[in-house]
């Protein structure tokens, strides 16, 4: 998947579930949401995984994460979208940050 100026919402079946912790948004149930695959660039992928706090994803390869995991538009700030009305296109450098966790992140996650 090549990155240009923006990332379009995914429509594949493998990316129809939001990968955020304790959240089960599905594309078929929430047509108002867009779903975005984890980026296939290591640095950005690591940012997405770190922000999501999904430690289980640290064991996965970059290719596997990009093919099988995504996050819905709820986890991106408005300024991360190039299309702010429909939220169906991310800026090329968008990172999900709107996760609701009870305690702050301590340390840094490192992907293998």
PDB file of N, CA and C in Angstrom:
ATOM      1  N   UNK A   1       0.854  -1.169   0.000  1.00  0.00           N
ATOM      2  CA  UNK A   1       0.000   0.000   0.000  1.00  0.00           C
ATOM      3  C   UNK A   1       0.897   1.228   0.000  1.00  0.00           C
ATOM      4  N   UNK A   2       0.865   2.016  -1.025  1.00  0.00           N
ATOM      5  CA  UNK A   2       1.711   3.197  -1.125  1.00  0.00           C
ATOM      6  C   UNK A   2       1.072   4.379  -0.411  1.00  0.00           C
ATOM      7  N   UNK A   3       1.905   5.144   0.254  1.00  0.00           N
ATOM      8  CA  UNK A   3       1.428   6.351   0.944  1.00  0.00           C
ATOM      9  C   UNK A   3       1.635   7.531   0.035  1.00  0.00           C
ATOM     10  N   UNK A   4       0.573   8.277  -0.170  1.00  0.00           N
ATOM     11  CA  UNK A   4       0.667   9.511  -0.931  1.00  0.00           C
ATOM     12  C   UNK A   4       0.369  10.636   0.042  1.00  0.00           C
ATOM     13  N   UNK A   5      -0.393  11.624  -0.369  1.00  0.00           N
ATOM     14  CA  UNK A   5      -0.687  12.737   0.526  1.00  0.00           C
ATOM     15  C   UNK A   5      -1.734  12.380   1.562  1.00  0.00           C
ATOM     16  N   UNK A   6      -2.491  11.319   1.349  1.00  0.00           N
ATOM     17  CA  UNK A   6      -3.532  10.959   2.308  1.00  0.00           C
ATOM     18  C   UNK A   6      -3.774   9.462   2.293  1.00  0.00           C
ATOM     19  N   UNK A   7      -4.343   8.974   3.374  1.00  0.00           N
ATOM     20  CA  UNK A   7      -4.667   7.551   3.492  1.00  0.00           C
ATOM     21  C   UNK A   7      -6.181   7.413   3.450  1.00  0.00           C
ATOM     22  N   UNK A   8      -6.669   6.623   2.508  1.00  0.00           N
ATOM     23  CA  UNK A   8      -8.107   6.403   2.381  1.00  0.00           C
ATOM     24  C   UNK A   8      -8.567   5.349   3.371  1.00  0.00           C
ATOM     25  N   UNK A   9      -9.833   5.407   3.716  1.00  0.00           N
ATOM     26  CA  UNK A   9     -10.424   4.409   4.606  1.00  0.00           C
ATOM     27  C   UNK A   9     -10.394   3.047   3.920  1.00  0.00           C
ATOM     28  N   UNK A  10     -10.198   2.015   4.726  1.00  0.00           N
ATOM     29  CA  UNK A  10     -10.126   0.659   4.212  1.00  0.00           C
ATOM     30  C   UNK A  10     -11.519   0.073   4.056  1.00  0.00           C
ATOM     31  N   UNK A  11     -11.688  -0.748   3.023  1.00  0.00           N
ATOM     32  CA  UNK A  11     -12.975  -1.408   2.823  1.00  0.00           C
ATOM     33  C   UNK A  11     -12.842  -2.924   2.799  1.00  0.00           C
ATOM     34  N   UNK A  12     -11.655  -3.441   3.081  1.00  0.00           N
ATOM     35  CA  UNK A  12     -11.484  -4.896   3.031  1.00  0.00           C
ATOM     36  C   UNK A  12     -12.063  -5.559   4.272  1.00  0.00           C
ATOM     37  N   UNK A  13     -12.401  -6.837   4.157  1.00  0.00           N
ATOM     38  CA  UNK A  13     -12.976  -7.577   5.275  1.00  0.00           C
ATOM     39  C   UNK A  13     -12.002  -7.723   6.428  1.00  0.00           C
ATOM     40  N   UNK A  14     -10.709  -7.866   6.157  1.00  0.00           N
ATOM     41  CA  UNK A  14      -9.743  -8.039   7.232  1.00  0.00           C
ATOM     42  C   UNK A  14      -9.603  -6.787   8.082  1.00  0.00           C
ATOM     43  N   UNK A  15     -10.039  -5.663   7.589  1.00  0.00           N
ATOM     44  CA  UNK A  15      -9.927  -4.416   8.329  1.00  0.00           C
ATOM     45  C   UNK A  15     -11.291  -3.875   8.739  1.00  0.00           C
ATOM     46  N   UNK A  16     -12.252  -4.740   8.967  1.00  0.00           N
ATOM     47  CA  UNK A  16     -13.589  -4.263   9.279  1.00  0.00           C
ATOM     48  C   UNK A  16     -13.865  -4.177  10.772  1.00  0.00           C
ATOM     49  N   UNK A  17     -12.872  -4.490  11.610  1.00  0.00           N
ATOM     50  CA  UNK A  17     -13.000  -4.389  13.059  1.00  0.00           C
ATOM     51  C   UNK A  17     -11.974  -3.399  13.579  1.00  0.00           C
ATOM     52  N   UNK A  18     -12.372  -2.578  14.521  1.00  0.00           N
ATOM     53  CA  UNK A  18     -11.432  -1.655  15.145  1.00  0.00           C
ATOM     54  C   UNK A  18     -10.562  -2.445  16.122  1.00  0.00           C
ATOM     55  N   UNK A  19      -9.267  -2.196  16.112  1.00  0.00           N
ATOM     56  CA  UNK A  19      -8.312  -2.945  16.926  1.00  0.00           C
ATOM     57  C   UNK A  19      -8.018  -2.312  18.279  1.00  0.00           C
ATOM     58  N   UNK A  20      -8.732  -1.265  18.642  1.00  0.00           N
ATOM     59  CA  UNK A  20      -8.503  -0.615  19.932  1.00  0.00           C
ATOM     60  C   UNK A  20      -8.911  -1.540  21.079  1.00  0.00           C
ATOM     61  N   UNK A  21      -8.210  -1.409  22.198  1.00  0.00           N
ATOM     62  CA  UNK A  21      -8.503  -2.208  23.391  1.00  0.00           C
ATOM     63  C   UNK A  21      -9.911  -1.906  23.894  1.00  0.00           C
ATOM     64  N   UNK A  22     -10.617  -2.943  24.285  1.00  0.00           N
ATOM     65  CA  UNK A  22     -11.959  -2.822  24.873  1.00  0.00           C
ATOM     66  C   UNK A  22     -12.947  -2.094  23.978  1.00  0.00           C
ATOM     67  N   UNK A  23     -12.792  -2.274  22.690  1.00  0.00           N
ATOM     68  CA  UNK A  23     -13.698  -1.606  21.772  1.00  0.00           C
ATOM     69  C   UNK A  23     -14.031  -2.553  20.644  1.00  0.00           C
ATOM     70  N   UNK A  24     -15.262  -2.559  20.218  1.00  0.00           N
ATOM     71  CA  UNK A  24     -15.659  -3.537  19.202  1.00  0.00           C
ATOM     72  C   UNK A  24     -16.418  -2.905  18.041  1.00  0.00           C
ATOM     73  N   UNK A  25     -15.995  -1.734  17.617  1.00  0.00           N
ATOM     74  CA  UNK A  25     -16.638  -1.139  16.447  1.00  0.00           C
ATOM     75  C   UNK A  25     -16.405  -2.013  15.234  1.00  0.00           C
ATOM     76  N   UNK A  26     -17.470  -2.209  14.496  1.00  0.00           N
ATOM     77  CA  UNK A  26     -17.396  -2.977  13.259  1.00  0.00           C
ATOM     78  C   UNK A  26     -17.911  -2.106  12.141  1.00  0.00           C
ATOM     79  N   UNK A  27     -17.320  -2.251  10.985  1.00  0.00           N
ATOM     80  CA  UNK A  27     -17.692  -1.455   9.839  1.00  0.00           C
ATOM     81  C   UNK A  27     -19.149  -1.692   9.450  1.00  0.00           C
ATOM     82  N   UNK A  28     -19.625  -2.921   9.564  1.00  0.00           N
ATOM     83  CA  UNK A  28     -20.992  -3.218   9.159  1.00  0.00           C
ATOM     84  C   UNK A  28     -22.019  -2.642  10.138  1.00  0.00           C
ATOM     85  N   UNK A  29     -21.620  -2.398  11.389  1.00  0.00           N
ATOM     86  CA  UNK A  29     -22.545  -1.837  12.376  1.00  0.00           C
ATOM     87  C   UNK A  29     -22.469  -0.323  12.476  1.00  0.00           C
ATOM     88  N   UNK A  30     -21.355   0.244  12.105  1.00  0.00           N
ATOM     89  CA  UNK A  30     -21.136   1.680  12.243  1.00  0.00           C
ATOM     90  C   UNK A  30     -20.727   2.264  10.900  1.00  0.00           C
ATOM     91  N   UNK A  31     -21.681   2.476  10.030  1.00  0.00           N
ATOM     92  CA  UNK A  31     -21.392   3.020   8.710  1.00  0.00           C
ATOM     93  C   UNK A  31     -20.866   4.451   8.783  1.00  0.00           C
ATOM     94  N   UNK A  32     -21.062   5.104   9.927  1.00  0.00           N
ATOM     95  CA  UNK A  32     -20.596   6.481  10.089  1.00  0.00           C
ATOM     96  C   UNK A  32     -19.100   6.563  10.388  1.00  0.00           C
ATOM     97  N   UNK A  33     -18.457   5.429  10.639  1.00  0.00           N
ATOM     98  CA  UNK A  33     -17.028   5.414  10.950  1.00  0.00           C
ATOM     99  C   UNK A  33     -16.212   4.962   9.747  1.00  0.00           C
ATOM    100  N   UNK A  34     -14.989   5.453   9.681  1.00  0.00           N
ATOM    101  CA  UNK A  34     -14.032   4.970   8.692  1.00  0.00           C
ATOM    102  C   UNK A  34     -12.985   4.165   9.433  1.00  0.00           C
ATOM    103  N   UNK A  35     -12.405   3.173   8.747  1.00  0.00           N
ATOM    104  CA  UNK A  35     -11.418   2.284   9.352  1.00  0.00           C
ATOM    105  C   UNK A  35     -10.113   2.389   8.576  1.00  0.00           C
ATOM    106  N   UNK A  36      -8.998   2.503   9.308  1.00  0.00           N
ATOM    107  CA  UNK A  36      -7.690   2.729   8.697  1.00  0.00           C
ATOM    108  C   UNK A  36      -6.708   1.653   9.108  1.00  0.00           C
ATOM    109  N   UNK A  37      -6.068   1.052   8.111  1.00  0.00           N
ATOM    110  CA  UNK A  37      -5.065   0.021   8.367  1.00  0.00           C
ATOM    111  C   UNK A  37      -3.856   0.626   9.074  1.00  0.00           C
ATOM    112  N   UNK A  38      -3.209  -0.192   9.869  1.00  0.00           N
ATOM    113  CA  UNK A  38      -1.955   0.207  10.496  1.00  0.00           C
ATOM    114  C   UNK A  38      -0.957   0.459   9.364  1.00  0.00           C
ATOM    115  N   UNK A  39      -0.194   1.545   9.435  1.00  0.00           N
ATOM    116  CA  UNK A  39       0.742   1.872   8.347  1.00  0.00           C
ATOM    117  C   UNK A  39       1.831   0.817   8.159  1.00  0.00           C
ATOM    118  N   UNK A  40       2.355   0.742   6.950  1.00  0.00           N
ATOM    119  CA  UNK A  40       3.402  -0.237   6.659  1.00  0.00           C
ATOM    120  C   UNK A  40       4.803   0.352   6.750  1.00  0.00           C
ATOM    121  N   UNK A  41       4.934   1.498   7.361  1.00  0.00           N
ATOM    122  CA  UNK A  41       6.244   2.103   7.656  1.00  0.00           C
ATOM    123  C   UNK A  41       6.533   1.862   9.129  1.00  0.00           C
ATOM    124  N   UNK A  42       7.722   1.328   9.451  1.00  0.00           N
ATOM    125  CA  UNK A  42       8.020   0.866  10.809  1.00  0.00           C
ATOM    126  C   UNK A  42       7.825   1.943  11.879  1.00  0.00           C
ATOM    127  N   UNK A  43       8.355   3.131  11.666  1.00  0.00           N
ATOM    128  CA  UNK A  43       8.267   4.181  12.683  1.00  0.00           C
ATOM    129  C   UNK A  43       6.820   4.567  12.986  1.00  0.00           C
ATOM    130  N   UNK A  44       6.027   4.749  11.940  1.00  0.00           N
ATOM    131  CA  UNK A  44       4.623   5.126  12.140  1.00  0.00           C
ATOM    132  C   UNK A  44       3.819   3.969  12.710  1.00  0.00           C
ATOM    133  N   UNK A  45       4.095   2.770  12.267  1.00  0.00           N
ATOM    134  CA  UNK A  45       3.415   1.591  12.800  1.00  0.00           C
ATOM    135  C   UNK A  45       3.676   1.494  14.300  1.00  0.00           C
ATOM    136  N   UNK A  46       4.917   1.706  14.684  1.00  0.00           N
ATOM    137  CA  UNK A  46       5.280   1.640  16.096  1.00  0.00           C
ATOM    138  C   UNK A  46       4.537   2.707  16.894  1.00  0.00           C
ATOM    139  N   UNK A  47       4.354   3.906  16.336  1.00  0.00           N
ATOM    140  CA  UNK A  47       3.594   4.959  17.016  1.00  0.00           C
ATOM    141  C   UNK A  47       2.154   4.528  17.231  1.00  0.00           C
ATOM    142  N   UNK A  48       1.543   3.928  16.212  1.00  0.00           N
ATOM    143  CA  UNK A  48       0.149   3.479  16.322  1.00  0.00           C
ATOM    144  C   UNK A  48       0.025   2.407  17.403  1.00  0.00           C
ATOM    145  N   UNK A  49       0.932   1.443  17.388  1.00  0.00           N
ATOM    146  CA  UNK A  49       0.884   0.351  18.366  1.00  0.00           C
ATOM    147  C   UNK A  49       1.143   0.892  19.766  1.00  0.00           C
ATOM    148  N   UNK A  50       2.125   1.758  19.905  1.00  0.00           N
ATOM    149  CA  UNK A  50       2.434   2.341  21.216  1.00  0.00           C
ATOM    150  C   UNK A  50       1.234   3.118  21.755  1.00  0.00           C
ATOM    151  N   UNK A  51       0.629   3.940  20.941  1.00  0.00           N
ATOM    152  CA  UNK A  51      -0.521   4.734  21.385  1.00  0.00           C
ATOM    153  C   UNK A  51      -1.711   3.860  21.756  1.00  0.00           C
ATOM    154  N   UNK A  52      -1.871   2.739  21.075  1.00  0.00           N
ATOM    155  CA  UNK A  52      -3.004   1.851  21.349  1.00  0.00           C
ATOM    156  C   UNK A  52      -2.785   0.998  22.592  1.00  0.00           C
ATOM    157  N   UNK A  53      -1.536   0.874  23.009  1.00  0.00           N
ATOM    158  CA  UNK A  53      -1.143   0.035  24.147  1.00  0.00           C
ATOM    159  C   UNK A  53      -1.468  -1.441  23.945  1.00  0.00           C
ATOM    160  N   UNK A  54      -1.484  -1.856  22.715  1.00  0.00           N
ATOM    161  CA  UNK A  54      -1.712  -3.266  22.400  1.00  0.00           C
ATOM    162  C   UNK A  54      -0.370  -3.994  22.410  1.00  0.00           C
ATOM    163  N   UNK A  55       0.073  -4.421  23.577  1.00  0.00           N
ATOM    164  CA  UNK A  55       1.362  -5.107  23.698  1.00  0.00           C
ATOM    165  C   UNK A  55       1.399  -6.389  22.879  1.00  0.00           C
ATOM    166  N   UNK A  56       0.254  -7.018  22.694  1.00  0.00           N
ATOM    167  CA  UNK A  56       0.208  -8.243  21.902  1.00  0.00           C
ATOM    168  C   UNK A  56       0.606  -8.002  20.451  1.00  0.00           C
ATOM    169  N   UNK A  57       0.473  -6.777  19.980  1.00  0.00           N
ATOM    170  CA  UNK A  57       0.820  -6.476  18.593  1.00  0.00           C
ATOM    171  C   UNK A  57       2.322  -6.347  18.386  1.00  0.00           C
ATOM    172  N   UNK A  58       3.080  -6.184  19.457  1.00  0.00           N
ATOM    173  CA  UNK A  58       4.527  -6.034  19.349  1.00  0.00           C
ATOM    174  C   UNK A  58       5.191  -7.281  18.778  1.00  0.00           C
ATOM    175  N   UNK A  59       4.555  -8.422  18.913  1.00  0.00           N
ATOM    176  CA  UNK A  59       5.114  -9.688  18.412  1.00  0.00           C
ATOM    177  C   UNK A  59       4.846  -9.902  16.924  1.00  0.00           C
ATOM    178  N   UNK A  60       3.985  -9.096  16.341  1.00  0.00           N
ATOM    179  CA  UNK A  60       3.597  -9.282  14.944  1.00  0.00           C
ATOM    180  C   UNK A  60       4.559  -8.559  13.999  1.00  0.00           C
ATOM    181  N   UNK A  61       4.653  -9.064  12.792  1.00  0.00           N
ATOM    182  CA  UNK A  61       5.488  -8.400  11.786  1.00  0.00           C
ATOM    183  C   UNK A  61       4.769  -7.173  11.254  1.00  0.00           C
ATOM    184  N   UNK A  62       5.537  -6.286  10.693  1.00  0.00           N
ATOM    185  CA  UNK A  62       4.997  -5.071  10.091  1.00  0.00           C
ATOM    186  C   UNK A  62       3.984  -5.417   9.000  1.00  0.00           C
ATOM    187  N   UNK A  63       4.311  -6.382   8.187  1.00  0.00           N
ATOM    188  CA  UNK A  63       3.420  -6.786   7.088  1.00  0.00           C
ATOM    189  C   UNK A  63       2.097  -7.345   7.619  1.00  0.00           C
ATOM    190  N   UNK A  64       2.188  -8.146   8.679  1.00  0.00           N
ATOM    191  CA  UNK A  64       0.976  -8.731   9.263  1.00  0.00           C
ATOM    192  C   UNK A  64       0.088  -7.650   9.870  1.00  0.00           C
ATOM    193  N   UNK A  65       0.694  -6.719  10.600  1.00  0.00           N
ATOM    194  CA  UNK A  65      -0.079  -5.632  11.214  1.00  0.00           C
ATOM    195  C   UNK A  65      -0.795  -4.806  10.155  1.00  0.00           C
ATOM    196  N   UNK A  66      -0.084  -4.470   9.104  1.00  0.00           N
ATOM    197  CA  UNK A  66      -0.657  -3.647   8.046  1.00  0.00           C
ATOM    198  C   UNK A  66      -1.797  -4.369   7.313  1.00  0.00           C
ATOM    199  N   UNK A  67      -1.700  -5.666   7.206  1.00  0.00           N
ATOM    200  CA  UNK A  67      -2.721  -6.447   6.503  1.00  0.00           C
ATOM    201  C   UNK A  67      -3.935  -6.774   7.365  1.00  0.00           C
ATOM    202  N   UNK A  68      -3.763  -6.863   8.698  1.00  0.00           N
ATOM    203  CA  UNK A  68      -4.827  -7.406   9.528  1.00  0.00           C
ATOM    204  C   UNK A  68      -5.361  -6.504  10.645  1.00  0.00           C
ATOM    205  N   UNK A  69      -4.767  -5.346  10.853  1.00  0.00           N
ATOM    206  CA  UNK A  69      -5.217  -4.503  11.962  1.00  0.00           C
ATOM    207  C   UNK A  69      -5.535  -3.096  11.482  1.00  0.00           C
ATOM    208  N   UNK A  70      -6.559  -2.527  12.085  1.00  0.00           N
ATOM    209  CA  UNK A  70      -6.938  -1.160  11.750  1.00  0.00           C
ATOM    210  C   UNK A  70      -7.557  -0.482  12.967  1.00  0.00           C
ATOM    211  N   UNK A  71      -7.690   0.819  12.875  1.00  0.00           N
ATOM    212  CA  UNK A  71      -8.331   1.616  13.918  1.00  0.00           C
ATOM    213  C   UNK A  71      -9.379   2.493  13.257  1.00  0.00           C
ATOM    214  N   UNK A  72     -10.464   2.710  13.971  1.00  0.00           N
ATOM    215  CA  UNK A  72     -11.547   3.515  13.402  1.00  0.00           C
ATOM    216  C   UNK A  72     -11.288   5.000  13.611  1.00  0.00           C
ATOM    217  N   UNK A  73     -12.057   5.803  12.943  1.00  0.00           N
ATOM    218  CA  UNK A  73     -11.878   7.252  12.941  1.00  0.00           C
ATOM    219  C   UNK A  73     -12.084   7.905  14.304  1.00  0.00           C
ATOM    220  N   UNK A  74     -12.678   7.205  15.256  1.00  0.00           N
ATOM    221  CA  UNK A  74     -12.880   7.773  16.596  1.00  0.00           C
ATOM    222  C   UNK A  74     -11.567   8.080  17.306  1.00  0.00           C
ATOM    223  N   UNK A  75     -10.483   7.428  16.919  1.00  0.00           N
ATOM    224  CA  UNK A  75      -9.217   7.557  17.632  1.00  0.00           C
ATOM    225  C   UNK A  75      -8.265   8.588  17.033  1.00  0.00           C
ATOM    226  N   UNK A  76      -8.746   9.329  16.053  1.00  0.00           N
ATOM    227  CA  UNK A  76      -7.934  10.354  15.409  1.00  0.00           C
ATOM    228  C   UNK A  76      -8.512  11.735  15.675  1.00  0.00           C
ATOM    229  N   UNK A  77      -7.630  12.676  16.015  1.00  0.00           N
ATOM    230  CA  UNK A  77      -8.067  14.055  16.209  1.00  0.00           C
ATOM    231  C   UNK A  77      -8.506  14.629  14.872  1.00  0.00           C
ATOM    232  N   UNK A  78      -9.367  15.620  14.919  1.00  0.00           N
ATOM    233  CA  UNK A  78      -9.917  16.211  13.700  1.00  0.00           C
ATOM    234  C   UNK A  78      -8.824  16.726  12.766  1.00  0.00           C
ATOM    235  N   UNK A  79      -7.747  17.266  13.327  1.00  0.00           N
ATOM    236  CA  UNK A  79      -6.679  17.801  12.480  1.00  0.00           C
ATOM    237  C   UNK A  79      -5.880  16.708  11.764  1.00  0.00           C
ATOM    238  N   UNK A  80      -6.136  15.434  12.047  1.00  0.00           N
ATOM    239  CA  UNK A  80      -5.465  14.318  11.386  1.00  0.00           C
ATOM    240  C   UNK A  80      -6.140  13.933  10.063  1.00  0.00           C
ATOM    241  N   UNK A  81      -7.295  14.529   9.796  1.00  0.00           N
ATOM    242  CA  UNK A  81      -8.059  14.215   8.584  1.00  0.00           C
ATOM    243  C   UNK A  81      -7.885  15.304   7.534  1.00  0.00           C
ATOM    244  N   UNK A  82      -7.715  14.894   6.293  1.00  0.00           N
ATOM    245  CA  UNK A  82      -7.683  15.883   5.210  1.00  0.00           C
ATOM    246  C   UNK A  82      -9.107  16.240   4.794  1.00  0.00           C
ATOM    247  N   UNK A  83     -10.060  15.368   5.094  1.00  0.00           N
ATOM    248  CA  UNK A  83     -11.467  15.630   4.825  1.00  0.00           C
ATOM    249  C   UNK A  83     -12.194  15.641   6.177  1.00  0.00           C
ATOM    250  N   UNK A  84     -12.325  16.807   6.782  1.00  0.00           N
ATOM    251  CA  UNK A  84     -12.834  16.918   8.147  1.00  0.00           C
ATOM    252  C   UNK A  84     -14.343  16.690   8.274  1.00  0.00           C
ATOM    253  N   UNK A  85     -15.082  16.820   7.194  1.00  0.00           N
ATOM    254  CA  UNK A  85     -16.532  16.603   7.241  1.00  0.00           C
ATOM    255  C   UNK A  85     -16.880  15.124   7.347  1.00  0.00           C
ATOM    256  N   UNK A  86     -16.336  14.329   6.468  1.00  0.00           N
ATOM    257  CA  UNK A  86     -16.692  12.906   6.435  1.00  0.00           C
ATOM    258  C   UNK A  86     -15.672  12.016   7.154  1.00  0.00           C
ATOM    259  N   UNK A  87     -14.509  12.563   7.471  1.00  0.00           N
ATOM    260  CA  UNK A  87     -13.447  11.814   8.162  1.00  0.00           C
ATOM    261  C   UNK A  87     -13.125  10.501   7.450  1.00  0.00           C
ATOM    262  N   UNK A  88     -13.067  10.548   6.129  1.00  0.00           N
ATOM    263  CA  UNK A  88     -12.787   9.320   5.387  1.00  0.00           C
ATOM    264  C   UNK A  88     -11.412   9.340   4.714  1.00  0.00           C
ATOM    265  N   UNK A  89     -10.584  10.315   5.061  1.00  0.00           N
ATOM    266  CA  UNK A  89      -9.244  10.388   4.483  1.00  0.00           C
ATOM    267  C   UNK A  89      -8.289  10.973   5.519  1.00  0.00           C
ATOM    268  N   UNK A  90      -7.261  10.194   5.864  1.00  0.00           N
ATOM    269  CA  UNK A  90      -6.267  10.653   6.831  1.00  0.00           C
ATOM    270  C   UNK A  90      -5.140  11.401   6.139  1.00  0.00           C
ATOM    271  N   UNK A  91      -4.545  12.338   6.858  1.00  0.00           N
ATOM    272  CA  UNK A  91      -3.307  12.946   6.393  1.00  0.00           C
ATOM    273  C   UNK A  91      -2.238  11.863   6.371  1.00  0.00           C
ATOM    274  N   UNK A  92      -1.218  12.043   5.557  1.00  0.00           N
ATOM    275  CA  UNK A  92      -0.185  11.020   5.386  1.00  0.00           C
ATOM    276  C   UNK A  92       0.543  10.683   6.682  1.00  0.00           C
ATOM    277  N   UNK A  93       0.601  11.612   7.617  1.00  0.00           N
ATOM    278  CA  UNK A  93       1.345  11.396   8.855  1.00  0.00           C
ATOM    279  C   UNK A  93       0.441  11.235  10.077  1.00  0.00           C
ATOM    280  N   UNK A  94      -0.809  10.894   9.867  1.00  0.00           N
ATOM    281  CA  UNK A  94      -1.780  10.766  10.961  1.00  0.00           C
ATOM    282  C   UNK A  94      -1.404   9.644  11.927  1.00  0.00           C
ATOM    283  N   UNK A  95      -1.673   9.902  13.205  1.00  0.00           N
ATOM    284  CA  UNK A  95      -1.419   8.922  14.266  1.00  0.00           C
ATOM    285  C   UNK A  95      -2.619   8.951  15.209  1.00  0.00           C
ATOM    286  N   UNK A  96      -3.193   7.801  15.551  1.00  0.00           N
ATOM    287  CA  UNK A  96      -4.321   7.792  16.493  1.00  0.00           C
ATOM    288  C   UNK A  96      -3.838   8.163  17.899  1.00  0.00           C
ATOM    289  N   UNK A  97      -4.551   9.095  18.542  1.00  0.00           N
ATOM    290  CA  UNK A  97      -4.150   9.569  19.872  1.00  0.00           C
ATOM    291  C   UNK A  97      -5.302   9.625  20.861  1.00  0.00           C
ATOM    292  N   UNK A  98      -6.509   9.435  20.430  1.00  0.00           N
ATOM    293  CA  UNK A  98      -7.677   9.641  21.293  1.00  0.00           C
ATOM    294  C   UNK A  98      -8.140   8.368  21.989  1.00  0.00           C
ATOM    295  N   UNK A  99      -7.216   7.658  22.581  1.00  0.00           N
ATOM    296  CA  UNK A  99      -7.556   6.459  23.342  1.00  0.00           C
ATOM    297  C   UNK A  99      -7.864   6.869  24.775  1.00  0.00           C
ATOM    298  N   UNK A 100      -8.816   6.187  25.391  1.00  0.00           N
ATOM    299  CA  UNK A 100      -9.230   6.522  26.747  1.00  0.00           C
ATOM    300  C   UNK A 100      -8.691   5.482  27.723  1.00  0.00           C
ATOM    301  N   UNK A 101      -7.553   5.801  28.339  1.00  0.00           N
ATOM    302  CA  UNK A 101      -6.927   4.907  29.292  1.00  0.00           C
ATOM    303  C   UNK A 101      -6.917   5.558  30.664  1.00  0.00           C
ATOM    304  N   UNK A 102      -7.095   4.777  31.725  1.00  0.00           N
ATOM    305  CA  UNK A 102      -7.153   5.342  33.070  1.00  0.00           C
ATOM    306  C   UNK A 102      -5.808   5.811  33.615  1.00  0.00           C
ATOM    307  N   UNK A 103      -4.693   5.292  33.095  1.00  0.00           N
ATOM    308  CA  UNK A 103      -3.388   5.695  33.610  1.00  0.00           C
ATOM    309  C   UNK A 103      -2.464   6.085  32.463  1.00  0.00           C
ATOM    310  N   UNK A 104      -1.504   6.986  32.735  1.00  0.00           N
ATOM    311  CA  UNK A 104      -0.608   7.429  31.663  1.00  0.00           C
ATOM    312  C   UNK A 104       0.355   6.324  31.226  1.00  0.00           C
ATOM    313  N   UNK A 105       0.823   6.419  30.005  1.00  0.00           N
ATOM    314  CA  UNK A 105       1.780   5.470  29.456  1.00  0.00           C
ATOM    315  C   UNK A 105       3.126   5.668  30.128  1.00  0.00           C
ATOM    316  N   UNK A 106       3.720   4.580  30.628  1.00  0.00           N
ATOM    317  CA  UNK A 106       5.032   4.631  31.252  1.00  0.00           C
ATOM    318  C   UNK A 106       5.976   3.809  30.391  1.00  0.00           C
ATOM    319  N   UNK A 107       7.061   4.404  29.999  1.00  0.00           N
ATOM    320  CA  UNK A 107       8.020   3.713  29.138  1.00  0.00           C
ATOM    321  C   UNK A 107       7.620   3.797  27.692  1.00  0.00           C
ATOM    322  N   UNK A 108       8.317   3.040  26.883  1.00  0.00           N
ATOM    323  CA  UNK A 108       8.070   3.059  25.440  1.00  0.00           C
ATOM    324  C   UNK A 108       8.018   1.640  24.922  1.00  0.00           C
ATOM    325  N   UNK A 109       7.081   1.357  24.085  1.00  0.00           N
ATOM    326  CA  UNK A 109       6.983   0.038  23.476  1.00  0.00           C
ATOM    327  C   UNK A 109       7.955  -0.025  22.318  1.00  0.00           C
ATOM    328  N   UNK A 110       8.578  -1.152  22.146  1.00  0.00           N
ATOM    329  CA  UNK A 110       9.519  -1.329  21.042  1.00  0.00           C
ATOM    330  C   UNK A 110       9.124  -2.588  20.290  1.00  0.00           C
ATOM    331  N   UNK A 111       8.960  -2.426  18.998  1.00  0.00           N
ATOM    332  CA  UNK A 111       8.613  -3.565  18.147  1.00  0.00           C
ATOM    333  C   UNK A 111       9.868  -4.338  17.799  1.00  0.00           C
ATOM    334  N   UNK A 112       9.709  -5.633  17.649  1.00  0.00           N
ATOM    335  CA  UNK A 112      10.852  -6.487  17.296  1.00  0.00           C
ATOM    336  C   UNK A 112      11.291  -6.242  15.875  1.00  0.00           C
TER     337      UNK A 112
END
